[in-house]
Amino acid sequence: MILLMSRYIDKDTLYYAGIRVDGTAVIKKKYKGTYYTMAQKQIFAGSYVQGEKINMLPHQTWIGLRVENVRNADGSITINLFMQKSGETTWKKLLEAKDDGRVFGGTPPIIEAGRAGVRTDFMDVSFESFRIEAL
């Protein structure tokens, strides 16, 4: 899986968004050690079998991933996950999730700026660039 972490307060409190090896795009919140799935959607077709060496992500091709965290006027956080496939010029929004404290275990939105980073599991990846910007 390839995940972009944001608002990383510590190992137990953060948001992450990305693509899993089963071809599913996901946005999750980890709050005080508990994970909450905020949004998910299958984006790459195929049948993934856990433990097999095959995954649903395209091999030997660039995939651009972008995550935006927006602090809304009402204090909520909106997280958007985008993908840009090799050869494409536009970004496609894959998922959007809003954290207003009423769902995801009633946990408050993570409003602190925190850190950002990349996590990969079960695969070797290369990065052309990594950039963080204020919106």
C-alpha atoms as a PDB file:
ATOM      1  CA  MET A   1       0.000   0.000   0.000  1.00  0.00           C
ATOM      2  CA  ILE A   2       1.024   3.599  -0.550  1.00  0.00           C
ATOM      3  CA  LEU A   3      -0.253   6.017   2.083  1.00  0.00           C
ATOM      4  CA  LEU A   4       0.140   9.752   2.568  1.00  0.00           C
ATOM      5  CA  MET A   5       0.010  10.662   6.255  1.00  0.00           C
ATOM      6  CA  SER A   6      -1.136  14.084   7.416  1.00  0.00           C
ATOM      7  CA  ARG A   7      -1.796  15.908  10.660  1.00  0.00           C
ATOM      8  CA  TYR A   8       0.527  13.346  12.237  1.00  0.00           C
ATOM      9  CA  ILE A   9       0.514  14.302  15.909  1.00  0.00           C
ATOM     10  CA  ASP A  10       2.122  11.042  17.060  1.00  0.00           C
ATOM     11  CA  LYS A  11       2.022   7.350  16.134  1.00  0.00           C
ATOM     12  CA  ASP A  12      -1.485   7.097  17.598  1.00  0.00           C
ATOM     13  CA  THR A  13      -3.173  10.226  16.192  1.00  0.00           C
ATOM     14  CA  LEU A  14      -3.151  11.077  12.468  1.00  0.00           C
ATOM     15  CA  TYR A  15      -5.004  10.928   9.157  1.00  0.00           C
ATOM     16  CA  TYR A  16      -3.856   8.897   6.180  1.00  0.00           C
ATOM     17  CA  ALA A  17      -5.052   8.450   2.624  1.00  0.00           C
ATOM     18  CA  GLY A  18      -3.816   6.310  -0.225  1.00  0.00           C
ATOM     19  CA  ILE A  19      -4.169   3.110  -2.201  1.00  0.00           C
ATOM     20  CA  ARG A  20      -3.997  -0.411  -0.797  1.00  0.00           C
ATOM     21  CA  VAL A  21      -2.592  -3.459  -2.628  1.00  0.00           C
ATOM     22  CA  ASP A  22      -6.142  -4.786  -3.078  1.00  0.00           C
ATOM     23  CA  GLY A  23      -6.834  -1.794  -5.369  1.00  0.00           C
ATOM     24  CA  THR A  24      -8.918   0.121  -2.828  1.00  0.00           C
ATOM     25  CA  ALA A  25      -8.491   3.847  -2.216  1.00  0.00           C
ATOM     26  CA  VAL A  26      -8.924   4.687   1.457  1.00  0.00           C
ATOM     27  CA  ILE A  27      -9.047   7.605   3.883  1.00  0.00           C
ATOM     28  CA  LYS A  28      -8.577   6.686   7.543  1.00  0.00           C
ATOM     29  CA  LYS A  29      -8.272   8.387  10.881  1.00  0.00           C
ATOM     30  CA  LYS A  30      -6.252   6.991  13.735  1.00  0.00           C
ATOM     31  CA  TYR A  31      -7.202   8.623  17.013  1.00  0.00           C
ATOM     32  CA  LYS A  32      -5.531   7.605  20.266  1.00  0.00           C
ATOM     33  CA  GLY A  33      -4.597   4.258  18.694  1.00  0.00           C
ATOM     34  CA  THR A  34      -8.008   3.358  17.228  1.00  0.00           C
ATOM     35  CA  TYR A  35      -8.492   3.277  13.437  1.00  0.00           C
ATOM     36  CA  TYR A  36     -11.641   4.616  11.753  1.00  0.00           C
ATOM     37  CA  THR A  37     -12.355   4.146   8.043  1.00  0.00           C
ATOM     38  CA  MET A  38     -13.654   7.482   6.815  1.00  0.00           C
ATOM     39  CA  ALA A  39     -14.097   6.566   3.121  1.00  0.00           C
ATOM     40  CA  GLN A  40     -13.059   3.814   0.741  1.00  0.00           C
ATOM     41  CA  LYS A  41     -13.695   2.761  -2.855  1.00  0.00           C
ATOM     42  CA  GLN A  42     -12.332   0.096  -5.218  1.00  0.00           C
ATOM     43  CA  ILE A  43     -10.384   1.843  -8.010  1.00  0.00           C
ATOM     44  CA  PHE A  44      -8.305  -0.933  -9.588  1.00  0.00           C
ATOM     45  CA  ALA A  45     -10.125  -4.041 -10.809  1.00  0.00           C
ATOM     46  CA  GLY A  46      -9.100  -7.583 -10.066  1.00  0.00           C
ATOM     47  CA  SER A  47      -9.168 -10.217  -7.393  1.00  0.00           C
ATOM     48  CA  TYR A  48      -6.673  -9.823  -4.596  1.00  0.00           C
ATOM     49  CA  VAL A  49      -5.819 -12.850  -2.489  1.00  0.00           C
ATOM     50  CA  GLN A  50      -4.097 -12.037   0.791  1.00  0.00           C
ATOM     51  CA  GLY A  51      -0.714 -13.715   1.022  1.00  0.00           C
ATOM     52  CA  GLU A  52      -0.241 -13.925  -2.767  1.00  0.00           C
ATOM     53  CA  LYS A  53       2.561 -11.958  -4.401  1.00  0.00           C
ATOM     54  CA  ILE A  54       0.187 -10.257  -6.867  1.00  0.00           C
ATOM     55  CA  ASN A  55      -1.386  -6.917  -6.055  1.00  0.00           C
ATOM     56  CA  MET A  56      -3.872  -4.798  -7.986  1.00  0.00           C
ATOM     57  CA  LEU A  57      -1.691  -1.691  -8.326  1.00  0.00           C
ATOM     58  CA  PRO A  58      -0.171  -1.015 -11.750  1.00  0.00           C
ATOM     59  CA  HIS A  59       3.480  -2.068 -11.996  1.00  0.00           C
ATOM     60  CA  GLN A  60       6.308  -0.168 -13.706  1.00  0.00           C
ATOM     61  CA  THR A  61       4.241   2.993 -14.128  1.00  0.00           C
ATOM     62  CA  TRP A  62       4.018   6.315 -12.316  1.00  0.00           C
ATOM     63  CA  ILE A  63       0.960   7.133 -10.249  1.00  0.00           C
ATOM     64  CA  GLY A  64       0.571  10.560  -8.714  1.00  0.00           C
ATOM     65  CA  LEU A  65      -1.190  10.762  -5.348  1.00  0.00           C
ATOM     66  CA  ARG A  66      -2.271  13.969  -3.651  1.00  0.00           C
ATOM     67  CA  VAL A  67      -4.074  14.539  -0.380  1.00  0.00           C
ATOM     68  CA  GLU A  68      -5.603  17.819   0.768  1.00  0.00           C
ATOM     69  CA  ASN A  69      -6.575  18.568   4.347  1.00  0.00           C
ATOM     70  CA  VAL A  70      -8.854  21.580   4.648  1.00  0.00           C
ATOM     71  CA  ARG A  71      -9.832  23.114   7.966  1.00  0.00           C
ATOM     72  CA  ASN A  72     -13.362  24.373   7.478  1.00  0.00           C
ATOM     73  CA  ALA A  73     -14.909  27.453   9.091  1.00  0.00           C
ATOM     74  CA  ASP A  74     -17.036  25.225  11.361  1.00  0.00           C
ATOM     75  CA  GLY A  75     -13.909  23.544  12.792  1.00  0.00           C
ATOM     76  CA  SER A  76     -14.298  20.335  10.817  1.00  0.00           C
ATOM     77  CA  ILE A  77     -11.591  18.837   8.599  1.00  0.00           C
ATOM     78  CA  THR A  78     -12.235  17.743   5.004  1.00  0.00           C
ATOM     79  CA  ILE A  79      -9.773  15.301   3.456  1.00  0.00           C
ATOM     80  CA  ASN A  80      -9.619  14.805  -0.310  1.00  0.00           C
ATOM     81  CA  LEU A  81      -7.596  12.101  -2.080  1.00  0.00           C
ATOM     82  CA  PHE A  82      -6.616  12.591  -5.726  1.00  0.00           C
ATOM     83  CA  MET A  83      -4.796  10.423  -8.265  1.00  0.00           C
ATOM     84  CA  GLN A  84      -3.092  11.244 -11.544  1.00  0.00           C
ATOM     85  CA  LYS A  85      -2.199   8.301 -13.767  1.00  0.00           C
ATOM     86  CA  SER A  86       0.888   8.311 -15.964  1.00  0.00           C
ATOM     87  CA  GLY A  87       0.285  10.358 -19.122  1.00  0.00           C
ATOM     88  CA  GLU A  88      -2.745  12.198 -17.732  1.00  0.00           C
ATOM     89  CA  THR A  89      -2.709  15.954 -17.172  1.00  0.00           C
ATOM     90  CA  THR A  90      -5.551  16.256 -14.679  1.00  0.00           C
ATOM     91  CA  TRP A  91      -6.044  14.993 -11.144  1.00  0.00           C
ATOM     92  CA  LYS A  92      -9.084  12.789 -10.470  1.00  0.00           C
ATOM     93  CA  LYS A  93     -10.709  13.020  -7.056  1.00  0.00           C
ATOM     94  CA  LEU A  94     -11.011   9.497  -5.688  1.00  0.00           C
ATOM     95  CA  LEU A  95     -12.459  10.146  -2.243  1.00  0.00           C
ATOM     96  CA  GLU A  96     -13.634  12.864   0.119  1.00  0.00           C
ATOM     97  CA  ALA A  97     -14.281  12.560   3.843  1.00  0.00           C
ATOM     98  CA  LYS A  98     -15.359  15.107   6.422  1.00  0.00           C
ATOM     99  CA  ASP A  99     -14.456  14.831  10.094  1.00  0.00           C
ATOM    100  CA  ASP A 100     -16.760  16.970  12.227  1.00  0.00           C
ATOM    101  CA  GLY A 101     -16.591  14.980  15.473  1.00  0.00           C
ATOM    102  CA  ARG A 102     -20.035  13.413  15.081  1.00  0.00           C
ATOM    103  CA  VAL A 103     -18.853  10.141  13.491  1.00  0.00           C
ATOM    104  CA  PHE A 104     -15.703   8.020  13.746  1.00  0.00           C
ATOM    105  CA  GLY A 105     -16.275   7.098  17.354  1.00  0.00           C
ATOM    106  CA  GLY A 106     -17.319  10.635  18.293  1.00  0.00           C
ATOM    107  CA  THR A 107     -13.631  11.602  18.290  1.00  0.00           C
ATOM    108  CA  PRO A 108     -12.826  15.271  17.649  1.00  0.00           C
ATOM    109  CA  PRO A 109     -11.304  16.352  14.333  1.00  0.00           C
ATOM    110  CA  ILE A 110      -7.512  16.526  14.334  1.00  0.00           C
ATOM    111  CA  ILE A 111      -7.089  20.285  13.927  1.00  0.00           C
ATOM    112  CA  GLU A 112      -3.417  20.576  14.886  1.00  0.00           C
ATOM    113  CA  ALA A 113      -1.058  21.013  11.933  1.00  0.00           C
ATOM    114  CA  GLY A 114       1.132  18.005  12.797  1.00  0.00           C
ATOM    115  CA  ARG A 115       3.627  16.372  10.458  1.00  0.00           C
ATOM    116  CA  ALA A 116       3.258  14.741   7.030  1.00  0.00           C
ATOM    117  CA  GLY A 117       4.895  11.706   5.485  1.00  0.00           C
ATOM    118  CA  VAL A 118       4.698   8.652   3.265  1.00  0.00           C
ATOM    119  CA  ARG A 119       4.235   5.018   4.255  1.00  0.00           C
ATOM    120  CA  THR A 120       4.488   1.958   2.046  1.00  0.00           C
ATOM    121  CA  ASP A 121       3.826  -1.641   3.016  1.00  0.00           C
ATOM    122  CA  PHE A 122       4.458  -4.869   1.119  1.00  0.00           C
ATOM    123  CA  MET A 123       6.094  -3.240  -1.916  1.00  0.00           C
ATOM    124  CA  ASP A 124       9.095  -1.379  -3.265  1.00  0.00           C
ATOM    125  CA  VAL A 125       8.288   2.050  -4.665  1.00  0.00           C
ATOM    126  CA  SER A 126      10.171   4.966  -6.162  1.00  0.00           C
ATOM    127  CA  PHE A 127       9.315   8.617  -5.674  1.00  0.00           C
ATOM    128  CA  GLU A 128       9.804  11.282  -8.300  1.00  0.00           C
ATOM    129  CA  SER A 129       8.940  14.076  -5.870  1.00  0.00           C
ATOM    130  CA  PHE A 130       7.265  14.810  -2.564  1.00  0.00           C
ATOM    131  CA  ARG A 131       5.924  18.255  -1.777  1.00  0.00           C
ATOM    132  CA  ILE A 132       3.994  19.840   1.071  1.00  0.00           C
ATOM    133  CA  GLU A 133       2.197  23.148   0.565  1.00  0.00           C
ATOM    134  CA  ALA A 134      -0.109  25.291   2.647  1.00  0.00           C
ATOM    135  CA  LEU A 135      -3.535  25.696   1.019  1.00  0.00           C
END
